[in-house]
Amino acid sequence: GIPNNSQNKKIVCCIFDELSAVSCLETIKQGFDVKIVIYYAKESELLRLVKIVNQIIHRTVQSKINLEFYKISPGLPIMLLTEVTIELLSRIAKLNGIKRISLSLSTLIHPIDFLEEMVMRVYNETLIPYLPLSGLDTNILESAKEIGLDKYFPKIKKISKSMYYNSKQSRKKPEKIAEQAIMTRKIILIKMGPNNVHDILDAIRSKQ
């Protein structure tokens, strides 16, 4: 693969479930300098997410890494969650002077109208969307195996079968949820070690 950070381009990616984690890992493997944002709805999700993040940060070439944690409303439907992600990542990218955001969207999972609408939203923010999961091919399955997430893939069903996306719906709701999430931000600096799970959890708890 391409050496990590070989593109010398910064990008923001978000981890909130297994699929977004694989997307973030792919972004790193494709040579970007990744700013990692994590969000969770409940404290009980933190350990699972931090274990995943621990696998991914060791794929970067940094000796120290800043991680940003945000708490979001629980029980959001997947499409609304995606809209919130785009609102949040767009704001974080702009605050940090970063032009690119990585989105865990794929035509194999999301309805094409929804995917196109989300991509256009990013462009309208004068940012560049990047879709590492545009085709869920064998490389991506290999990436999932690397971080122990391959067991998740059989569960991925095409969301479009069960959900109708109305592109006319208001953006006020995702904007409001993103605004609330911004207020919960916790930034932690982690020095890379063989296993950073407890360091990350302790750092988050110390900021509560």
Protein backbone atom coordinates (compact mmCIF):
# COMPACT_ATOMS: atom_id res chain seq x y z
CA GLY A 1 0.00 0.00 0.00
CA ILE A 2 0.85 3.69 -0.05
CA PRO A 3 3.09 4.74 2.87
CA ASN A 4 1.18 6.47 5.67
CA ASN A 5 1.02 10.26 5.37
CA SER A 6 2.67 10.07 1.91
CA GLN A 7 0.04 12.43 0.45
CA ASN A 8 1.03 15.08 3.01
CA LYS A 9 -2.63 16.18 3.03
CA LYS A 10 -4.71 16.62 6.15
CA ILE A 11 -8.19 15.13 6.40
CA VAL A 12 -10.79 14.70 9.16
CA CYS A 13 -12.40 11.31 9.71
CA CYS A 14 -14.97 10.20 12.25
CA ILE A 15 -15.36 6.92 14.14
CA PHE A 16 -18.75 6.08 15.63
CA ASP A 17 -19.22 2.42 14.61
CA GLU A 18 -17.40 -0.43 12.89
CA LEU A 19 -18.02 0.73 9.33
CA SER A 20 -16.79 4.27 10.01
CA ALA A 21 -13.70 2.74 11.67
CA VAL A 22 -12.87 0.76 8.53
CA SER A 23 -13.42 3.92 6.48
CA CYS A 24 -11.00 5.83 8.72
CA LEU A 25 -8.41 3.05 8.48
CA GLU A 26 -8.69 3.06 4.67
CA THR A 27 -8.14 6.84 4.70
CA ILE A 28 -4.91 6.36 6.70
CA LYS A 29 -3.78 3.55 4.40
CA GLN A 30 -4.32 5.74 1.36
CA GLY A 31 -1.68 8.13 2.63
CA PHE A 32 -3.58 10.95 4.36
CA ASP A 33 -2.59 12.71 7.59
CA VAL A 34 -5.75 11.97 9.55
CA LYS A 35 -7.37 13.97 12.34
CA ILE A 36 -9.53 11.43 14.19
CA VAL A 37 -12.86 12.44 15.71
CA ILE A 38 -14.85 9.95 17.80
CA TYR A 39 -18.41 10.28 18.91
CA TYR A 40 -20.58 8.20 21.13
CA ALA A 41 -24.13 8.33 22.46
CA LYS A 42 -23.70 6.41 25.74
CA GLU A 43 -20.85 5.87 28.18
CA SER A 44 -21.37 2.11 27.66
CA GLU A 45 -20.25 2.48 24.01
CA LEU A 46 -16.93 4.06 24.95
CA LEU A 47 -14.94 0.90 25.72
CA ARG A 48 -15.91 -0.76 22.42
CA LEU A 49 -15.10 2.39 20.42
CA VAL A 50 -11.84 3.05 22.27
CA LYS A 51 -10.68 -0.53 21.56
CA ILE A 52 -11.32 0.09 17.85
CA VAL A 53 -9.59 3.50 17.98
CA ASN A 54 -6.60 1.89 19.72
CA GLN A 55 -6.19 -0.47 16.72
CA ILE A 56 -6.40 2.41 14.25
CA ILE A 57 -4.09 4.99 15.85
CA HIS A 58 -1.22 2.50 15.70
CA ARG A 59 -1.53 2.60 11.90
CA THR A 60 -0.57 6.30 11.89
CA VAL A 61 3.10 7.29 11.96
CA GLN A 62 2.75 9.68 14.89
CA SER A 63 4.37 9.25 18.32
CA LYS A 64 1.61 11.40 19.87
CA ILE A 65 -1.92 11.92 18.65
CA ASN A 66 -4.77 14.26 19.51
CA LEU A 67 -8.19 12.60 19.65
CA GLU A 68 -11.43 14.55 19.84
CA PHE A 69 -14.46 12.99 21.55
CA TYR A 70 -18.03 14.24 21.19
CA LYS A 71 -21.23 13.02 22.81
CA ILE A 72 -24.32 12.91 20.61
CA SER A 73 -28.01 12.18 21.15
CA PRO A 74 -28.70 8.43 21.48
CA GLY A 75 -30.93 6.46 19.11
CA LEU A 76 -30.52 8.58 15.97
CA PRO A 77 -31.61 6.87 12.73
CA ILE A 78 -28.60 6.02 10.55
CA MET A 79 -29.32 8.65 7.91
CA LEU A 80 -29.82 11.43 10.43
CA LEU A 81 -26.59 10.29 12.12
CA THR A 82 -24.84 10.60 8.75
CA GLU A 83 -26.17 14.13 8.31
CA VAL A 84 -25.02 15.05 11.83
CA THR A 85 -21.58 13.58 11.00
CA ILE A 86 -21.28 15.81 7.94
CA GLU A 87 -22.35 18.92 9.89
CA LEU A 88 -19.89 18.11 12.68
CA LEU A 89 -16.94 17.20 10.45
CA SER A 90 -17.47 20.28 8.27
CA ARG A 91 -17.28 22.51 11.35
CA ILE A 92 -14.24 20.70 12.76
CA ALA A 93 -12.43 20.85 9.40
CA LYS A 94 -13.05 24.59 9.07
CA LEU A 95 -11.97 25.29 12.67
CA ASN A 96 -8.71 23.46 11.98
CA GLY A 97 -8.07 24.85 8.49
CA ILE A 98 -8.46 21.40 6.92
CA LYS A 99 -9.95 21.14 3.40
CA ARG A 100 -10.92 17.47 3.26
CA ILE A 101 -13.36 15.27 5.13
CA SER A 102 -13.59 11.50 4.89
CA LEU A 103 -17.12 10.06 4.77
CA SER A 104 -18.09 6.46 5.49
CA LEU A 105 -20.63 6.43 2.65
CA SER A 106 -20.98 3.71 0.04
CA THR A 107 -23.43 3.12 -2.81
CA LEU A 108 -23.53 -0.51 -1.66
CA ILE A 109 -25.18 0.63 1.57
CA HIS A 110 -26.71 4.08 1.14
CA PRO A 111 -29.35 5.16 -1.39
CA ILE A 112 -27.63 6.99 -4.25
CA ASP A 113 -29.83 10.12 -3.89
CA PHE A 114 -28.85 10.39 -0.24
CA LEU A 115 -25.16 9.85 -0.97
CA GLU A 116 -25.13 12.48 -3.73
CA GLU A 117 -26.98 14.97 -1.52
CA MET A 118 -24.41 14.48 1.29
CA VAL A 119 -21.46 14.87 -1.10
CA MET A 120 -22.98 18.09 -2.49
CA ARG A 121 -23.44 19.40 1.05
CA VAL A 122 -19.73 19.01 1.68
CA TYR A 123 -18.84 20.76 -1.60
CA ASN A 124 -21.23 23.58 -0.68
CA GLU A 125 -19.17 24.10 2.49
CA THR A 126 -16.15 24.60 0.16
CA LEU A 127 -14.67 21.34 1.47
CA ILE A 128 -13.63 18.23 -0.43
CA PRO A 129 -15.45 14.97 0.43
CA TYR A 130 -13.47 11.75 0.25
CA LEU A 131 -15.22 8.36 0.09
CA PRO A 132 -12.81 5.52 0.90
CA LEU A 133 -15.69 3.01 0.94
CA SER A 134 -16.96 3.89 -2.55
CA GLY A 135 -16.68 0.20 -3.39
CA LEU A 136 -16.61 -2.30 -0.51
CA ASP A 137 -14.02 -4.48 -2.23
CA THR A 138 -11.61 -7.14 -0.99
CA ASN A 139 -9.03 -4.53 0.11
CA ILE A 140 -11.55 -3.03 2.48
CA LEU A 141 -12.47 -6.48 3.79
CA GLU A 142 -8.75 -7.05 4.42
CA SER A 143 -8.59 -3.76 6.34
CA ALA A 144 -11.55 -4.85 8.43
CA LYS A 145 -9.81 -8.14 9.22
CA GLU A 146 -6.66 -6.27 10.29
CA ILE A 147 -8.54 -4.56 13.10
CA GLY A 148 -10.84 -7.49 13.90
CA LEU A 149 -13.97 -6.00 12.35
CA ASP A 150 -14.59 -8.52 9.58
CA LYS A 151 -17.32 -10.17 11.68
CA TYR A 152 -19.34 -6.98 11.24
CA PHE A 153 -19.52 -7.14 7.45
CA PRO A 154 -22.16 -9.88 7.06
CA LYS A 155 -24.55 -7.60 8.99
CA ILE A 156 -24.27 -4.77 6.50
CA LYS A 157 -27.45 -4.62 4.49
CA LYS A 158 -28.42 -2.03 2.00
CA ILE A 159 -30.05 0.69 4.06
CA SER A 160 -31.96 1.91 1.04
CA LYS A 161 -34.16 -1.20 1.15
CA SER A 162 -35.65 -0.12 4.45
CA MET A 163 -35.36 3.67 4.32
CA TYR A 164 -36.73 6.33 2.07
CA TYR A 165 -34.64 9.46 1.88
CA ASN A 166 -36.44 12.76 1.41
CA SER A 167 -33.90 15.34 0.26
CA LYS A 168 -36.39 18.13 0.99
CA GLN A 169 -36.25 17.54 4.73
CA SER A 170 -34.95 20.33 6.91
CA ARG A 171 -31.28 20.66 7.78
CA LYS A 172 -32.19 22.37 11.03
CA LYS A 173 -32.36 19.11 13.00
CA PRO A 174 -28.86 17.79 12.12
CA GLU A 175 -27.45 21.31 12.57
CA LYS A 176 -28.97 21.55 16.05
CA ILE A 177 -27.68 18.10 17.09
CA ALA A 178 -24.20 19.00 15.77
CA GLU A 179 -24.27 22.27 17.73
CA GLN A 180 -25.14 20.39 20.93
CA ALA A 181 -22.37 17.86 20.23
CA ILE A 182 -19.76 20.63 19.77
CA MET A 183 -20.46 21.71 23.37
CA THR A 184 -19.38 18.27 24.66
CA ARG A 185 -15.95 18.24 22.98
CA LYS A 186 -13.09 16.61 24.86
CA ILE A 187 -9.62 16.76 23.32
CA ILE A 188 -7.06 14.31 24.62
CA LEU A 189 -3.39 13.92 23.74
CA ILE A 190 -2.17 10.33 23.68
CA LYS A 191 1.45 9.23 23.62
CA MET A 192 1.64 6.04 21.59
CA GLY A 193 2.30 2.87 23.55
CA PRO A 194 1.73 -0.85 22.91
CA ASN A 195 -1.84 -0.50 24.20
CA ASN A 196 -3.49 2.84 24.75
CA VAL A 197 -7.02 1.68 25.67
CA HIS A 198 -6.75 2.56 29.37
CA ASP A 199 -4.80 5.78 28.69
CA ILE A 200 -7.60 6.98 26.42
CA LEU A 201 -10.40 5.99 28.83
CA ASP A 202 -8.60 7.58 31.80
CA ALA A 203 -7.99 10.80 29.84
CA ILE A 204 -11.67 11.05 28.86
CA ARG A 205 -12.85 10.41 32.42
CA SER A 206 -10.41 12.95 33.87
CA LYS A 207 -12.12 15.63 31.76
CA GLN A 208 -15.63 14.89 33.04
